[in-house]
Structures are given as C-alpha cells and as structure tokens.
Amino acid sequence: MDRPSLAALIRGGADRTEVNRHQVDRMNLSPVLDDDRGSDLSLTLRACAEGVRA
C-alpha cells in the first residue's frame, strides 16, 4: 500500500469516528470518565493521516 492510500484509509477512519463520536464518547474505556474520547480519537487519527502523508 502506498502512502497516499494509507493516509486516505486513516482519514476515512477519522471521518467515521467524527460522525460517531457521541457513541464513542459514551464508552467507558478506563476508570477515568471523560466525554471527549470520540473527538480525541478523531483528532489523533487525522494527525496520523497527516504524518503518513508528509
């Protein structure tokens, strides 16, 4: 897989995470309750996609 394709794949994941961020926000994945996991994950995936694309 080439870099542009990988970046597009990761961006697609970020897009889906953004669309469903409220569902992700409701997940309790650790003892610390916070309500921005979906937003955090989406931003992290976008940063990863930019890193791969660079």
N, C-alpha and C. Protein backbone atom coordinates (compact mmCIF):
# COMPACT_ATOMS: atom_id res chain seq x y z
N MET A 1 0.86 -1.17 0.00
CA MET A 1 0.00 0.00 0.00
C MET A 1 0.91 1.23 0.00
N ASP A 2 0.58 2.18 -0.85
CA ASP A 2 1.39 3.40 -0.90
C ASP A 2 0.92 4.40 0.16
N ARG A 3 1.74 5.42 0.39
CA ARG A 3 1.46 6.39 1.45
C ARG A 3 0.15 7.15 1.25
N PRO A 4 -0.15 7.63 0.04
CA PRO A 4 -1.43 8.32 -0.13
C PRO A 4 -2.64 7.43 0.18
N SER A 5 -2.55 6.16 -0.19
CA SER A 5 -3.65 5.24 0.09
C SER A 5 -3.80 5.00 1.58
N LEU A 6 -2.68 4.85 2.27
CA LEU A 6 -2.72 4.65 3.72
C LEU A 6 -3.28 5.89 4.40
N ALA A 7 -2.85 7.07 3.97
CA ALA A 7 -3.37 8.30 4.55
C ALA A 7 -4.88 8.42 4.32
N ALA A 8 -5.34 8.06 3.14
CA ALA A 8 -6.77 8.11 2.83
C ALA A 8 -7.54 7.12 3.71
N LEU A 9 -6.98 5.96 3.94
CA LEU A 9 -7.61 4.96 4.79
C LEU A 9 -7.75 5.48 6.22
N ILE A 10 -6.69 6.08 6.73
CA ILE A 10 -6.73 6.61 8.09
C ILE A 10 -7.69 7.79 8.17
N ARG A 11 -7.69 8.65 7.17
CA ARG A 11 -8.64 9.78 7.15
C ARG A 11 -10.08 9.28 7.14
N GLY A 12 -10.33 8.20 6.40
CA GLY A 12 -11.67 7.61 6.39
C GLY A 12 -12.08 7.15 7.78
N GLY A 13 -11.15 6.56 8.50
CA GLY A 13 -11.42 6.16 9.88
C GLY A 13 -11.70 7.37 10.76
N ALA A 14 -10.95 8.43 10.54
CA ALA A 14 -11.17 9.66 11.30
C ALA A 14 -12.55 10.24 11.00
N ASP A 15 -12.94 10.20 9.74
CA ASP A 15 -14.27 10.70 9.35
C ASP A 15 -15.37 9.91 10.03
N ARG A 16 -15.25 8.59 10.01
CA ARG A 16 -16.28 7.74 10.63
C ARG A 16 -16.31 7.95 12.14
N THR A 17 -15.13 8.13 12.73
CA THR A 17 -15.08 8.38 14.17
C THR A 17 -15.75 9.70 14.49
N GLU A 18 -15.52 10.72 13.67
CA GLU A 18 -16.14 12.02 13.88
C GLU A 18 -17.66 11.92 13.80
N VAL A 19 -18.16 11.19 12.81
CA VAL A 19 -19.60 11.02 12.64
C VAL A 19 -20.21 10.31 13.85
N ASN A 20 -19.48 9.36 14.41
CA ASN A 20 -19.99 8.54 15.52
C ASN A 20 -19.37 8.90 16.86
N ARG A 21 -18.82 10.10 16.97
CA ARG A 21 -18.06 10.47 18.17
C ARG A 21 -18.91 10.42 19.44
N HIS A 22 -20.19 10.71 19.33
CA HIS A 22 -21.03 10.69 20.54
C HIS A 22 -21.18 9.27 21.09
N GLN A 23 -21.23 8.29 20.20
CA GLN A 23 -21.28 6.90 20.66
C GLN A 23 -19.96 6.52 21.31
N VAL A 24 -18.86 6.93 20.71
CA VAL A 24 -17.55 6.64 21.29
C VAL A 24 -17.40 7.36 22.62
N ASP A 25 -17.90 8.58 22.71
CA ASP A 25 -17.81 9.35 23.95
C ASP A 25 -18.48 8.62 25.12
N ARG A 26 -19.54 7.88 24.83
CA ARG A 26 -20.28 7.19 25.90
C ARG A 26 -19.57 5.93 26.39
N MET A 27 -18.58 5.46 25.65
CA MET A 27 -17.85 4.26 26.09
C MET A 27 -16.98 4.60 27.29
N ASN A 28 -16.99 3.73 28.26
CA ASN A 28 -16.11 3.90 29.41
C ASN A 28 -14.95 2.92 29.24
N LEU A 29 -13.84 3.41 28.72
CA LEU A 29 -12.71 2.54 28.40
C LEU A 29 -11.65 2.54 29.47
N SER A 30 -11.82 3.34 30.48
CA SER A 30 -10.85 3.39 31.57
C SER A 30 -11.57 3.85 32.82
N PRO A 31 -10.89 3.80 33.95
CA PRO A 31 -11.53 4.25 35.19
C PRO A 31 -11.85 5.75 35.19
N VAL A 32 -11.22 6.51 34.31
CA VAL A 32 -11.44 7.95 34.27
C VAL A 32 -12.56 8.25 33.29
N LEU A 33 -13.64 8.83 33.77
CA LEU A 33 -14.75 9.18 32.90
C LEU A 33 -14.48 10.53 32.25
N ASP A 34 -14.53 10.57 30.96
CA ASP A 34 -14.50 11.83 30.24
C ASP A 34 -15.45 11.69 29.06
N ASP A 35 -15.80 12.80 28.47
CA ASP A 35 -16.81 12.73 27.43
C ASP A 35 -16.32 13.24 26.08
N ASP A 36 -15.02 13.12 25.87
CA ASP A 36 -14.50 13.59 24.58
C ASP A 36 -13.60 12.57 23.89
N ARG A 37 -13.80 11.31 24.20
CA ARG A 37 -12.97 10.26 23.58
C ARG A 37 -13.12 10.23 22.06
N GLY A 38 -14.34 10.40 21.58
CA GLY A 38 -14.57 10.38 20.14
C GLY A 38 -13.85 11.52 19.45
N SER A 39 -13.92 12.69 20.03
CA SER A 39 -13.22 13.85 19.46
C SER A 39 -11.71 13.64 19.51
N ASP A 40 -11.22 13.15 20.65
CA ASP A 40 -9.78 12.89 20.79
C ASP A 40 -9.30 11.87 19.77
N LEU A 41 -10.06 10.79 19.61
CA LEU A 41 -9.67 9.74 18.68
C LEU A 41 -9.68 10.26 17.24
N SER A 42 -10.69 11.01 16.90
CA SER A 42 -10.78 11.58 15.56
C SER A 42 -9.59 12.50 15.27
N LEU A 43 -9.26 13.37 16.21
CA LEU A 43 -8.12 14.27 16.02
C LEU A 43 -6.80 13.49 15.93
N THR A 44 -6.66 12.44 16.72
CA THR A 44 -5.46 11.62 16.68
C THR A 44 -5.32 10.93 15.32
N LEU A 45 -6.42 10.37 14.82
CA LEU A 45 -6.38 9.72 13.51
C LEU A 45 -6.05 10.72 12.40
N ARG A 46 -6.60 11.91 12.49
CA ARG A 46 -6.28 12.94 11.48
C ARG A 46 -4.80 13.30 11.51
N ALA A 47 -4.24 13.42 12.70
CA ALA A 47 -2.80 13.72 12.83
C ALA A 47 -1.97 12.58 12.27
N CYS A 48 -2.39 11.35 12.49
CA CYS A 48 -1.68 10.19 11.94
C CYS A 48 -1.73 10.22 10.41
N ALA A 49 -2.89 10.52 9.86
CA ALA A 49 -3.02 10.57 8.41
C ALA A 49 -2.11 11.65 7.82
N GLU A 50 -2.04 12.80 8.49
CA GLU A 50 -1.15 13.87 8.02
C GLU A 50 0.30 13.44 8.11
N GLY A 51 0.66 12.73 9.18
CA GLY A 51 2.02 12.25 9.33
C GLY A 51 2.41 11.26 8.25
N VAL A 52 1.50 10.38 7.90
CA VAL A 52 1.77 9.40 6.84
C VAL A 52 1.87 10.10 5.48
N ARG A 53 1.04 11.09 5.29
CA ARG A 53 1.01 11.80 4.01
C ARG A 53 2.26 12.64 3.79
N ALA A 54 2.84 13.12 4.89
CA ALA A 54 4.01 14.02 4.78
C ALA A 54 5.24 13.31 4.24
